């Protein structure tokens, strides 16, 4: 490529002089930072200033504004939430105890058992039990063993599927009577 001719060069505006390229340097690093008015806190000050991450809970209190036992509501008030209600006790009247229990698990059908223990009603002893599960190699483990053997992994590698629980069948039995209930096959 050839340089432009004199006529072409005169059509363009003149180049900027050294005045236009005179850009002041950026401020120094120290000038851009504000000097701190006070030094940072010491380690001990920094620890004591922070709020306690594990505050102690205050025990519940019983209102003391009750004038007679007949007005005792028995409500225990916690500073944040209500903890519980106790029935009023006066003289020889015995306090009734309220016991809250979890609902009993609903037994499932034996045919819906998977690879984990389940709550069932044993058809042999008629007890509601959580099944005892034993894992034994099944069809999936044997197929994987044969596949690894065909691929040439015969020096013990083909035995790995027999140790993988995800390839084993789950045999469910009753812990009370010991009878077999179900096999979950892979």
N, C-alpha and C. Protein backbone atom coordinates (compact mmCIF):
# COMPACT_ATOMS: atom_id res chain seq x y z
N UNK A 1 0.83 -1.17 0.00
CA UNK A 1 0.00 0.00 0.00
C UNK A 1 0.89 1.25 0.00
N UNK A 2 0.55 2.17 -0.83
CA UNK A 2 1.35 3.38 -0.96
C UNK A 2 0.81 4.47 -0.04
N UNK A 3 1.66 5.38 0.39
CA UNK A 3 1.20 6.49 1.21
C UNK A 3 0.31 7.41 0.37
N UNK A 4 -0.61 8.18 1.01
CA UNK A 4 -1.49 9.07 0.24
C UNK A 4 -0.69 10.20 -0.41
N UNK A 5 -1.27 10.71 -1.47
CA UNK A 5 -0.61 11.83 -2.17
C UNK A 5 -0.78 13.11 -1.34
N UNK A 6 -0.09 14.19 -1.79
CA UNK A 6 -0.14 15.46 -1.06
C UNK A 6 -1.56 16.01 -1.06
N UNK A 7 -2.29 15.87 -2.15
CA UNK A 7 -3.65 16.41 -2.26
C UNK A 7 -4.59 15.65 -1.32
N UNK A 8 -4.41 14.35 -1.26
CA UNK A 8 -5.26 13.57 -0.37
C UNK A 8 -4.96 13.85 1.09
N UNK A 9 -3.70 14.03 1.40
CA UNK A 9 -3.31 14.28 2.78
C UNK A 9 -3.81 15.62 3.26
N UNK A 10 -3.90 16.62 2.35
CA UNK A 10 -4.35 17.95 2.78
C UNK A 10 -5.86 17.99 3.04
N UNK A 11 -6.60 17.03 2.54
CA UNK A 11 -8.04 16.98 2.79
C UNK A 11 -8.38 16.55 4.22
N UNK A 12 -7.50 15.82 4.86
CA UNK A 12 -7.72 15.35 6.23
C UNK A 12 -7.38 16.44 7.23
N UNK A 13 -8.03 16.47 8.41
CA UNK A 13 -7.69 17.50 9.40
C UNK A 13 -6.27 17.29 9.91
N UNK A 14 -5.67 18.34 10.39
CA UNK A 14 -4.29 18.20 10.87
C UNK A 14 -4.23 17.32 12.13
N UNK A 15 -3.11 16.67 12.31
CA UNK A 15 -2.90 15.81 13.47
C UNK A 15 -2.83 16.66 14.72
N UNK A 16 -3.19 16.07 15.84
CA UNK A 16 -3.16 16.79 17.11
C UNK A 16 -1.73 17.03 17.54
N UNK A 17 -1.52 18.16 18.12
CA UNK A 17 -0.17 18.49 18.57
C UNK A 17 0.12 17.85 19.91
N UNK A 18 1.22 18.23 20.49
CA UNK A 18 1.61 17.67 21.77
C UNK A 18 0.74 18.19 22.90
N UNK A 19 0.04 19.31 22.69
CA UNK A 19 -0.85 19.86 23.72
C UNK A 19 -2.03 18.93 23.98
N UNK A 20 -2.57 18.32 22.92
CA UNK A 20 -3.74 17.47 23.07
C UNK A 20 -3.39 16.16 23.76
N UNK A 21 -2.17 15.74 23.63
CA UNK A 21 -1.75 14.48 24.24
C UNK A 21 -1.23 14.67 25.66
N UNK A 22 -1.25 15.89 26.14
CA UNK A 22 -0.75 16.16 27.47
C UNK A 22 -1.84 15.82 28.50
N UNK A 23 -1.85 14.58 28.97
CA UNK A 23 -2.84 14.10 29.94
C UNK A 23 -2.15 14.01 31.29
N UNK A 24 -2.76 14.59 32.31
CA UNK A 24 -2.09 14.52 33.62
C UNK A 24 -2.06 13.07 34.11
N UNK A 25 -1.05 12.70 34.86
CA UNK A 25 -0.96 11.33 35.37
C UNK A 25 -2.03 11.10 36.43
N UNK A 26 -2.40 9.85 36.67
CA UNK A 26 -3.40 9.58 37.71
C UNK A 26 -2.84 9.94 39.08
N UNK A 27 -3.73 10.17 40.05
CA UNK A 27 -3.24 10.52 41.39
C UNK A 27 -2.47 9.34 41.99
N UNK A 28 -1.63 9.64 42.92
CA UNK A 28 -0.83 8.59 43.55
C UNK A 28 -1.73 7.69 44.40
N UNK A 29 -1.25 6.53 44.70
CA UNK A 29 -2.03 5.56 45.47
C UNK A 29 -2.34 6.08 46.86
N UNK A 30 -1.41 6.72 47.49
CA UNK A 30 -1.61 7.20 48.85
C UNK A 30 -2.62 8.34 48.90
N UNK A 31 -2.72 9.14 47.84
CA UNK A 31 -3.62 10.29 47.85
C UNK A 31 -5.08 9.85 47.72
N UNK A 32 -5.31 8.68 47.10
CA UNK A 32 -6.70 8.26 46.89
C UNK A 32 -7.31 7.62 48.14
N UNK A 33 -6.49 7.19 49.07
CA UNK A 33 -7.01 6.57 50.30
C UNK A 33 -7.20 7.62 51.38
N UNK A 34 -8.33 7.52 52.05
CA UNK A 34 -8.55 8.39 53.21
C UNK A 34 -7.79 7.81 54.38
N UNK A 35 -7.12 8.66 55.10
CA UNK A 35 -6.40 8.16 56.27
C UNK A 35 -7.42 7.86 57.37
N UNK A 36 -7.31 6.71 58.01
CA UNK A 36 -8.28 6.36 59.06
C UNK A 36 -8.15 7.31 60.24
N UNK A 37 -9.33 7.68 60.79
CA UNK A 37 -9.32 8.61 61.91
C UNK A 37 -8.85 7.92 63.20
N UNK A 38 -9.15 6.64 63.33
CA UNK A 38 -8.72 5.89 64.52
C UNK A 38 -8.12 4.58 64.06
N UNK A 39 -7.24 4.00 64.85
CA UNK A 39 -6.68 2.71 64.46
C UNK A 39 -7.74 1.61 64.59
N UNK A 40 -7.57 0.51 63.90
CA UNK A 40 -8.54 -0.58 64.02
C UNK A 40 -8.56 -1.12 65.45
N UNK A 41 -9.69 -1.75 65.85
CA UNK A 41 -9.76 -2.27 67.22
C UNK A 41 -8.79 -3.43 67.42
N UNK A 42 -8.41 -3.63 68.67
CA UNK A 42 -7.55 -4.76 68.98
C UNK A 42 -8.37 -6.05 68.91
N UNK A 43 -7.68 -7.15 69.00
CA UNK A 43 -8.37 -8.45 68.92
C UNK A 43 -9.38 -8.61 70.05
N UNK A 44 -9.02 -8.23 71.24
CA UNK A 44 -9.92 -8.35 72.39
C UNK A 44 -11.14 -7.45 72.25
N UNK A 45 -10.93 -6.22 71.74
CA UNK A 45 -12.06 -5.32 71.53
C UNK A 45 -13.01 -5.84 70.45
N UNK A 46 -12.45 -6.39 69.41
CA UNK A 46 -13.28 -6.90 68.31
C UNK A 46 -14.14 -8.06 68.77
N UNK A 47 -13.64 -8.90 69.65
CA UNK A 47 -14.40 -10.05 70.13
C UNK A 47 -15.51 -9.62 71.08
N UNK A 48 -15.23 -8.69 71.98
CA UNK A 48 -16.24 -8.31 72.97
C UNK A 48 -17.33 -7.43 72.38
N UNK A 49 -17.09 -6.75 71.29
CA UNK A 49 -18.09 -5.87 70.71
C UNK A 49 -19.17 -6.68 70.00
N UNK A 50 -18.81 -7.82 69.43
CA UNK A 50 -19.79 -8.60 68.68
C UNK A 50 -20.84 -9.17 69.62
N UNK A 51 -22.11 -9.26 69.14
CA UNK A 51 -23.16 -9.85 69.99
C UNK A 51 -22.91 -11.34 70.17
N UNK A 52 -23.45 -11.86 71.24
CA UNK A 52 -23.27 -13.27 71.57
C UNK A 52 -24.01 -14.13 70.54
N UNK A 53 -23.30 -14.98 69.79
CA UNK A 53 -23.98 -15.80 68.79
C UNK A 53 -24.84 -16.91 69.42
N UNK A 54 -24.59 -17.26 70.66
CA UNK A 54 -25.35 -18.29 71.34
C UNK A 54 -25.93 -17.73 72.63
N UNK A 55 -27.01 -16.96 72.55
CA UNK A 55 -27.54 -16.36 73.77
C UNK A 55 -28.19 -17.41 74.66
N UNK A 56 -28.16 -17.17 75.95
CA UNK A 56 -28.80 -18.06 76.90
C UNK A 56 -30.29 -17.78 76.90
N UNK A 57 -31.08 -18.84 76.89
CA UNK A 57 -32.52 -18.68 76.93
C UNK A 57 -32.96 -18.49 78.38
N UNK A 58 -33.93 -17.65 78.57
CA UNK A 58 -34.44 -17.42 79.92
C UNK A 58 -35.50 -18.47 80.22
N UNK A 59 -35.57 -18.93 81.46
CA UNK A 59 -36.57 -19.95 81.79
C UNK A 59 -37.97 -19.35 81.76
N UNK A 60 -38.99 -20.18 81.54
CA UNK A 60 -40.35 -19.66 81.54
C UNK A 60 -40.74 -19.15 82.92
N UNK A 61 -41.69 -18.25 82.94
CA UNK A 61 -42.12 -17.66 84.22
C UNK A 61 -43.64 -17.81 84.34
N UNK A 62 -44.10 -17.86 85.56
CA UNK A 62 -45.53 -17.93 85.85
C UNK A 62 -45.95 -16.54 86.30
N UNK A 63 -47.05 -16.00 85.74
CA UNK A 63 -47.47 -14.66 86.16
C UNK A 63 -47.78 -14.62 87.65
N UNK A 64 -47.33 -13.57 88.32
CA UNK A 64 -47.52 -13.45 89.77
C UNK A 64 -48.68 -12.54 90.12
N UNK A 65 -49.44 -12.05 89.17
CA UNK A 65 -50.54 -11.13 89.43
C UNK A 65 -51.82 -11.86 89.82
N UNK A 66 -51.75 -13.15 90.13
CA UNK A 66 -52.92 -13.94 90.48
C UNK A 66 -53.22 -13.70 91.96
N UNK A 67 -54.48 -13.43 92.27
CA UNK A 67 -54.85 -13.10 93.65
C UNK A 67 -55.37 -14.31 94.40
N UNK A 68 -56.04 -15.24 93.72
CA UNK A 68 -56.58 -16.39 94.43
C UNK A 68 -56.36 -17.64 93.58
N UNK A 69 -56.37 -18.85 94.21
CA UNK A 69 -56.15 -20.08 93.46
C UNK A 69 -57.22 -20.33 92.40
N UNK A 70 -58.43 -19.80 92.59
CA UNK A 70 -59.48 -20.04 91.61
C UNK A 70 -59.21 -19.27 90.31
N UNK A 71 -58.43 -18.19 90.40
CA UNK A 71 -58.11 -17.43 89.20
C UNK A 71 -56.84 -17.92 88.52
N UNK A 72 -56.15 -18.90 89.09
CA UNK A 72 -54.92 -19.40 88.50
C UNK A 72 -55.23 -20.09 87.17
N UNK A 73 -54.72 -19.54 86.11
CA UNK A 73 -54.98 -20.12 84.79
C UNK A 73 -54.00 -21.23 84.46
N UNK A 74 -52.88 -21.26 85.12
CA UNK A 74 -51.91 -22.32 84.87
C UNK A 74 -51.13 -22.13 83.59
N UNK A 75 -51.18 -20.97 83.01
CA UNK A 75 -50.47 -20.73 81.76
C UNK A 75 -49.04 -20.32 82.09
N UNK A 76 -48.11 -21.00 81.47
CA UNK A 76 -46.70 -20.67 81.63
C UNK A 76 -46.32 -19.83 80.42
N UNK A 77 -45.78 -18.64 80.65
CA UNK A 77 -45.46 -17.74 79.56
C UNK A 77 -43.96 -17.67 79.40
N UNK A 78 -43.51 -17.95 78.20
CA UNK A 78 -42.10 -17.84 77.86
C UNK A 78 -41.88 -16.45 77.28
N UNK A 79 -40.70 -15.87 77.43
CA UNK A 79 -40.50 -14.53 76.90
C UNK A 79 -40.79 -14.41 75.40
N UNK A 80 -40.59 -15.47 74.63
CA UNK A 80 -40.82 -15.38 73.19
C UNK A 80 -42.13 -16.05 72.81
N UNK A 81 -42.33 -17.28 73.23
CA UNK A 81 -43.53 -18.03 72.86
C UNK A 81 -44.14 -18.67 74.09
N UNK A 82 -45.35 -19.15 73.94
CA UNK A 82 -46.02 -19.87 75.02
C UNK A 82 -45.50 -21.30 75.01
N UNK A 83 -45.03 -21.79 76.14
CA UNK A 83 -44.44 -23.11 76.22
C UNK A 83 -45.49 -24.18 76.43
N UNK A 84 -46.36 -24.02 77.36
CA UNK A 84 -47.33 -25.08 77.62
C UNK A 84 -48.40 -24.64 78.59
N UNK A 85 -49.39 -25.48 78.80
CA UNK A 85 -50.50 -25.18 79.69
C UNK A 85 -50.60 -26.31 80.70
N UNK A 86 -50.70 -25.97 81.97
CA UNK A 86 -50.90 -26.97 83.00
C UNK A 86 -52.24 -26.71 83.65
N UNK A 87 -53.00 -27.76 83.94
CA UNK A 87 -54.30 -27.55 84.57
C UNK A 87 -54.12 -27.07 86.01
N UNK A 88 -55.09 -26.32 86.53
CA UNK A 88 -54.98 -25.82 87.91
C UNK A 88 -55.09 -26.96 88.91
N UNK A 89 -54.32 -26.86 89.97
CA UNK A 89 -54.34 -27.85 91.03
C UNK A 89 -54.73 -27.13 92.32
N UNK A 90 -55.79 -27.61 92.97
CA UNK A 90 -56.19 -26.98 94.23
C UNK A 90 -56.57 -28.07 95.23
N UNK A 91 -56.02 -27.98 96.41
CA UNK A 91 -56.37 -28.90 97.50
C UNK A 91 -56.05 -30.34 97.17
N UNK A 92 -57.09 -31.21 97.26
CA UNK A 92 -56.91 -32.64 97.04
C UNK A 92 -57.15 -33.05 95.58
N UNK A 93 -57.48 -32.08 94.75
CA UNK A 93 -57.77 -32.42 93.36
C UNK A 93 -56.46 -32.84 92.68
N UNK A 94 -56.49 -33.99 92.06
CA UNK A 94 -55.29 -34.50 91.39
C UNK A 94 -55.16 -33.85 90.01
N UNK A 95 -53.96 -33.57 89.62
CA UNK A 95 -53.71 -32.97 88.31
C UNK A 95 -53.86 -34.03 87.23
N UNK A 96 -54.56 -33.68 86.17
CA UNK A 96 -54.69 -34.60 85.04
C UNK A 96 -53.50 -34.38 84.12
N UNK A 97 -52.92 -35.47 83.69
CA UNK A 97 -51.75 -35.40 82.84
C UNK A 97 -52.20 -35.62 81.40
N UNK A 98 -51.79 -34.73 80.52
CA UNK A 98 -52.11 -34.85 79.11
C UNK A 98 -50.86 -35.39 78.41
N UNK A 99 -50.99 -36.52 77.74
CA UNK A 99 -49.87 -37.13 77.04
C UNK A 99 -50.15 -37.03 75.55
N UNK A 100 -49.24 -36.44 74.83
CA UNK A 100 -49.38 -36.32 73.38
C UNK A 100 -48.42 -37.32 72.76
N UNK A 101 -48.94 -38.18 71.91
CA UNK A 101 -48.10 -39.19 71.26
C UNK A 101 -48.18 -39.03 69.76
N UNK A 102 -47.20 -39.59 69.09
CA UNK A 102 -47.22 -39.59 67.63
C UNK A 102 -48.19 -40.66 67.16
N UNK A 103 -48.80 -40.45 66.00
CA UNK A 103 -49.69 -41.50 65.49
C UNK A 103 -48.89 -42.74 65.11
N UNK A 104 -49.51 -43.88 65.25
CA UNK A 104 -48.85 -45.13 64.91
C UNK A 104 -48.65 -45.22 63.41
N UNK A 105 -47.53 -45.81 62.96
CA UNK A 105 -47.32 -45.95 61.52
C UNK A 105 -48.36 -46.90 60.93
N UNK A 106 -48.79 -46.58 59.74
CA UNK A 106 -49.79 -47.40 59.08
C UNK A 106 -49.07 -48.51 58.32
N UNK A 107 -49.40 -49.77 58.58
CA UNK A 107 -48.72 -50.85 57.88
C UNK A 107 -49.05 -50.82 56.40
N UNK A 108 -48.05 -51.12 55.57
CA UNK A 108 -48.27 -51.19 54.15
C UNK A 108 -48.43 -52.64 53.74
N UNK A 109 -48.89 -52.85 52.53
CA UNK A 109 -49.04 -54.20 52.03
C UNK A 109 -47.67 -54.80 51.78
N UNK A 110 -47.55 -56.10 51.94
CA UNK A 110 -46.28 -56.79 51.77
C UNK A 110 -45.77 -56.62 50.35
N UNK A 111 -46.65 -56.50 49.38
CA UNK A 111 -46.21 -56.42 47.99
C UNK A 111 -45.62 -55.06 47.64
N UNK A 112 -45.76 -54.04 48.50
CA UNK A 112 -45.21 -52.72 48.21
C UNK A 112 -43.85 -52.50 48.87
N UNK A 113 -43.25 -53.51 49.42
CA UNK A 113 -41.94 -53.36 50.05
C UNK A 113 -40.88 -53.13 48.98
N UNK A 114 -39.94 -52.23 49.27
CA UNK A 114 -38.86 -51.93 48.33
C UNK A 114 -37.55 -52.46 48.91
N UNK A 115 -36.46 -51.75 48.72
CA UNK A 115 -35.15 -52.24 49.18
C UNK A 115 -34.78 -51.75 50.58
N UNK A 116 -35.70 -51.09 51.29
CA UNK A 116 -35.44 -50.65 52.66
C UNK A 116 -36.48 -51.28 53.58
N UNK A 117 -36.21 -51.38 54.88
CA UNK A 117 -37.20 -51.97 55.79
C UNK A 117 -38.51 -51.17 55.77
N UNK A 118 -39.61 -51.87 55.92
CA UNK A 118 -40.92 -51.24 55.92
C UNK A 118 -41.78 -51.78 57.04
N UNK A 119 -42.80 -51.02 57.44
CA UNK A 119 -43.73 -51.43 58.49
C UNK A 119 -44.86 -52.21 57.83
N UNK A 120 -45.03 -53.47 58.23
CA UNK A 120 -46.07 -54.34 57.66
C UNK A 120 -46.75 -55.11 58.78
N UNK A 121 -47.90 -55.66 58.45
CA UNK A 121 -48.58 -56.59 59.35
C UNK A 121 -48.26 -57.98 58.84
N UNK A 122 -47.56 -58.73 59.64
CA UNK A 122 -47.10 -60.06 59.22
C UNK A 122 -48.32 -60.97 59.00
N UNK A 123 -48.43 -61.61 57.83
CA UNK A 123 -49.57 -62.51 57.60
C UNK A 123 -49.46 -63.81 58.39
N UNK A 124 -48.30 -64.12 58.96
CA UNK A 124 -48.10 -65.38 59.69
C UNK A 124 -48.40 -65.22 61.18
N UNK A 125 -47.79 -64.20 61.83
CA UNK A 125 -47.98 -64.02 63.27
C UNK A 125 -48.93 -62.87 63.59
N UNK A 126 -49.37 -62.11 62.62
CA UNK A 126 -50.32 -61.01 62.74
C UNK A 126 -49.84 -59.89 63.65
N UNK A 127 -48.52 -59.68 63.75
CA UNK A 127 -47.94 -58.55 64.48
C UNK A 127 -47.62 -57.45 63.48
N UNK A 128 -47.70 -56.20 63.91
CA UNK A 128 -47.24 -55.09 63.08
C UNK A 128 -45.77 -54.88 63.40
N UNK A 129 -44.91 -55.11 62.40
CA UNK A 129 -43.46 -55.10 62.62
C UNK A 129 -42.77 -54.32 61.51
N UNK A 130 -41.54 -53.94 61.78
CA UNK A 130 -40.65 -53.39 60.76
C UNK A 130 -39.83 -54.56 60.23
N UNK A 131 -39.86 -54.76 58.93
CA UNK A 131 -39.24 -55.96 58.35
C UNK A 131 -37.73 -55.96 58.53
N UNK A 132 -37.18 -57.16 58.60
CA UNK A 132 -35.74 -57.37 58.64
C UNK A 132 -35.32 -57.63 57.20
N UNK A 133 -34.34 -56.87 56.71
CA UNK A 133 -33.94 -56.97 55.31
C UNK A 133 -32.56 -57.60 55.22
N UNK A 134 -32.44 -58.59 54.36
CA UNK A 134 -31.16 -59.22 54.04
C UNK A 134 -30.91 -59.03 52.55
N UNK A 135 -29.72 -58.60 52.20
CA UNK A 135 -29.37 -58.34 50.80
C UNK A 135 -28.56 -59.51 50.26
N UNK A 136 -29.05 -60.11 49.18
CA UNK A 136 -28.36 -61.23 48.54
C UNK A 136 -28.26 -60.95 47.04
N UNK A 137 -27.16 -61.41 46.41
CA UNK A 137 -27.00 -61.16 44.97
C UNK A 137 -28.16 -61.77 44.19
N UNK A 138 -28.66 -61.00 43.25
CA UNK A 138 -29.78 -61.46 42.43
C UNK A 138 -29.42 -61.45 40.96
N UNK A 139 -30.44 -61.35 40.13
CA UNK A 139 -30.25 -61.41 38.70
C UNK A 139 -29.42 -60.27 38.15
N UNK A 140 -29.58 -59.07 38.68
CA UNK A 140 -28.83 -57.92 38.19
C UNK A 140 -27.34 -58.08 38.47
N UNK A 141 -26.98 -58.61 39.64
CA UNK A 141 -25.56 -58.82 39.97
C UNK A 141 -24.95 -59.88 39.07
N UNK A 142 -25.69 -60.96 38.81
CA UNK A 142 -25.17 -62.02 37.94
C UNK A 142 -25.01 -61.52 36.51
N UNK A 143 -25.95 -60.74 36.01
CA UNK A 143 -25.84 -60.21 34.64
C UNK A 143 -24.63 -59.28 34.52
N UNK A 144 -24.42 -58.43 35.51
CA UNK A 144 -23.27 -57.52 35.47
C UNK A 144 -21.97 -58.31 35.57
N UNK A 145 -21.94 -59.38 36.37
CA UNK A 145 -20.75 -60.22 36.48
C UNK A 145 -20.42 -60.86 35.13
N UNK A 146 -21.43 -61.38 34.46
CA UNK A 146 -21.21 -62.02 33.15
C UNK A 146 -20.76 -60.98 32.13
N UNK A 147 -21.33 -59.78 32.16
CA UNK A 147 -20.94 -58.72 31.24
C UNK A 147 -19.49 -58.32 31.45
N UNK A 148 -19.06 -58.18 32.71
CA UNK A 148 -17.66 -57.83 32.99
C UNK A 148 -16.71 -58.95 32.58
N UNK A 149 -17.15 -60.21 32.72
CA UNK A 149 -16.32 -61.34 32.32
C UNK A 149 -16.15 -61.35 30.79
N UNK A 150 -17.22 -61.10 30.05
CA UNK A 150 -17.14 -61.07 28.59
C UNK A 150 -16.24 -59.92 28.13
N UNK A 151 -16.22 -58.82 28.88
CA UNK A 151 -15.37 -57.69 28.53
C UNK A 151 -13.91 -57.97 28.87
N UNK A 152 -13.61 -59.06 29.55
CA UNK A 152 -12.23 -59.42 29.83
C UNK A 152 -11.77 -59.10 31.23
N UNK A 153 -12.64 -58.64 32.10
CA UNK A 153 -12.26 -58.32 33.47
C UNK A 153 -12.53 -59.54 34.35
N UNK A 154 -11.59 -60.51 34.31
CA UNK A 154 -11.81 -61.77 35.02
C UNK A 154 -10.97 -61.90 36.28
N UNK A 155 -10.02 -61.05 36.52
CA UNK A 155 -9.12 -61.18 37.67
C UNK A 155 -9.74 -60.55 38.92
N UNK A 156 -10.94 -60.95 39.29
CA UNK A 156 -11.59 -60.44 40.48
C UNK A 156 -12.50 -59.25 40.22
N UNK A 157 -12.30 -58.55 39.11
CA UNK A 157 -13.14 -57.39 38.82
C UNK A 157 -14.58 -57.81 38.53
N UNK A 158 -14.76 -59.01 38.00
CA UNK A 158 -16.11 -59.46 37.68
C UNK A 158 -16.92 -59.78 38.96
N UNK A 159 -16.25 -59.82 40.13
CA UNK A 159 -16.93 -60.11 41.39
C UNK A 159 -17.44 -58.85 42.09
N UNK A 160 -17.08 -57.68 41.58
CA UNK A 160 -17.50 -56.42 42.21
C UNK A 160 -19.02 -56.29 42.26
N UNK A 161 -19.79 -56.67 41.22
CA UNK A 161 -21.25 -56.51 41.32
C UNK A 161 -21.88 -57.26 42.49
N UNK A 162 -21.24 -58.31 43.00
CA UNK A 162 -21.79 -59.05 44.13
C UNK A 162 -21.67 -58.27 45.44
N UNK A 163 -20.85 -57.20 45.45
CA UNK A 163 -20.67 -56.39 46.66
C UNK A 163 -21.43 -55.07 46.59
N UNK A 164 -22.03 -54.74 45.46
CA UNK A 164 -22.76 -53.49 45.31
C UNK A 164 -24.21 -53.71 45.74
N UNK A 165 -24.65 -53.00 46.77
CA UNK A 165 -25.99 -53.20 47.31
C UNK A 165 -27.07 -52.83 46.29
N UNK A 166 -26.78 -51.88 45.41
CA UNK A 166 -27.75 -51.47 44.41
C UNK A 166 -28.05 -52.56 43.39
N UNK A 167 -27.23 -53.60 43.31
CA UNK A 167 -27.46 -54.71 42.39
C UNK A 167 -27.98 -55.95 43.10
N UNK A 168 -28.18 -55.90 44.41
CA UNK A 168 -28.62 -57.05 45.18
C UNK A 168 -30.12 -57.02 45.42
N UNK A 169 -30.71 -58.20 45.56
CA UNK A 169 -32.14 -58.31 45.88
C UNK A 169 -32.32 -58.16 47.39
N UNK A 170 -33.45 -57.54 47.80
CA UNK A 170 -33.76 -57.34 49.21
C UNK A 170 -34.77 -58.40 49.65
N UNK A 171 -34.36 -59.24 50.59
CA UNK A 171 -35.22 -60.30 51.13
C UNK A 171 -35.78 -59.82 52.46
N UNK A 172 -37.11 -59.63 52.53
CA UNK A 172 -37.77 -59.14 53.74
C UNK A 172 -38.29 -60.34 54.54
N UNK A 173 -38.07 -60.27 55.87
CA UNK A 173 -38.59 -61.31 56.76
C UNK A 173 -39.12 -60.65 58.03
N UNK A 174 -39.97 -61.39 58.75
CA UNK A 174 -40.56 -60.89 59.98
C UNK A 174 -39.57 -61.09 61.13
N UNK A 175 -39.25 -60.04 61.92
CA UNK A 175 -38.33 -60.23 63.04
C UNK A 175 -38.97 -61.00 64.20
N UNK A 176 -40.31 -61.08 64.26
CA UNK A 176 -40.98 -61.79 65.36
C UNK A 176 -40.96 -63.30 65.13
N UNK A 177 -41.49 -63.73 63.97
CA UNK A 177 -41.61 -65.18 63.73
C UNK A 177 -40.53 -65.70 62.79
N UNK A 178 -39.81 -64.81 62.09
CA UNK A 178 -38.73 -65.23 61.21
C UNK A 178 -39.19 -65.73 59.85
N UNK A 179 -40.48 -65.68 59.56
CA UNK A 179 -40.98 -66.16 58.25
C UNK A 179 -40.66 -65.17 57.15
N UNK A 180 -40.46 -65.72 55.95
CA UNK A 180 -40.16 -64.92 54.77
C UNK A 180 -41.41 -64.16 54.33
N UNK A 181 -41.26 -62.84 54.03
CA UNK A 181 -42.41 -62.04 53.63
C UNK A 181 -42.40 -61.65 52.16
N UNK A 182 -41.26 -61.18 51.65
CA UNK A 182 -41.23 -60.66 50.28
C UNK A 182 -39.80 -60.59 49.79
N UNK A 183 -39.61 -60.63 48.46
CA UNK A 183 -38.31 -60.40 47.84
C UNK A 183 -38.48 -59.25 46.86
N UNK A 184 -37.68 -58.21 47.05
CA UNK A 184 -37.66 -57.09 46.09
C UNK A 184 -36.51 -57.36 45.14
N UNK A 185 -36.85 -57.68 43.89
CA UNK A 185 -35.83 -58.03 42.89
C UNK A 185 -35.41 -56.81 42.10
N UNK A 186 -34.16 -56.79 41.74
CA UNK A 186 -33.63 -55.72 40.90
C UNK A 186 -33.79 -56.08 39.45
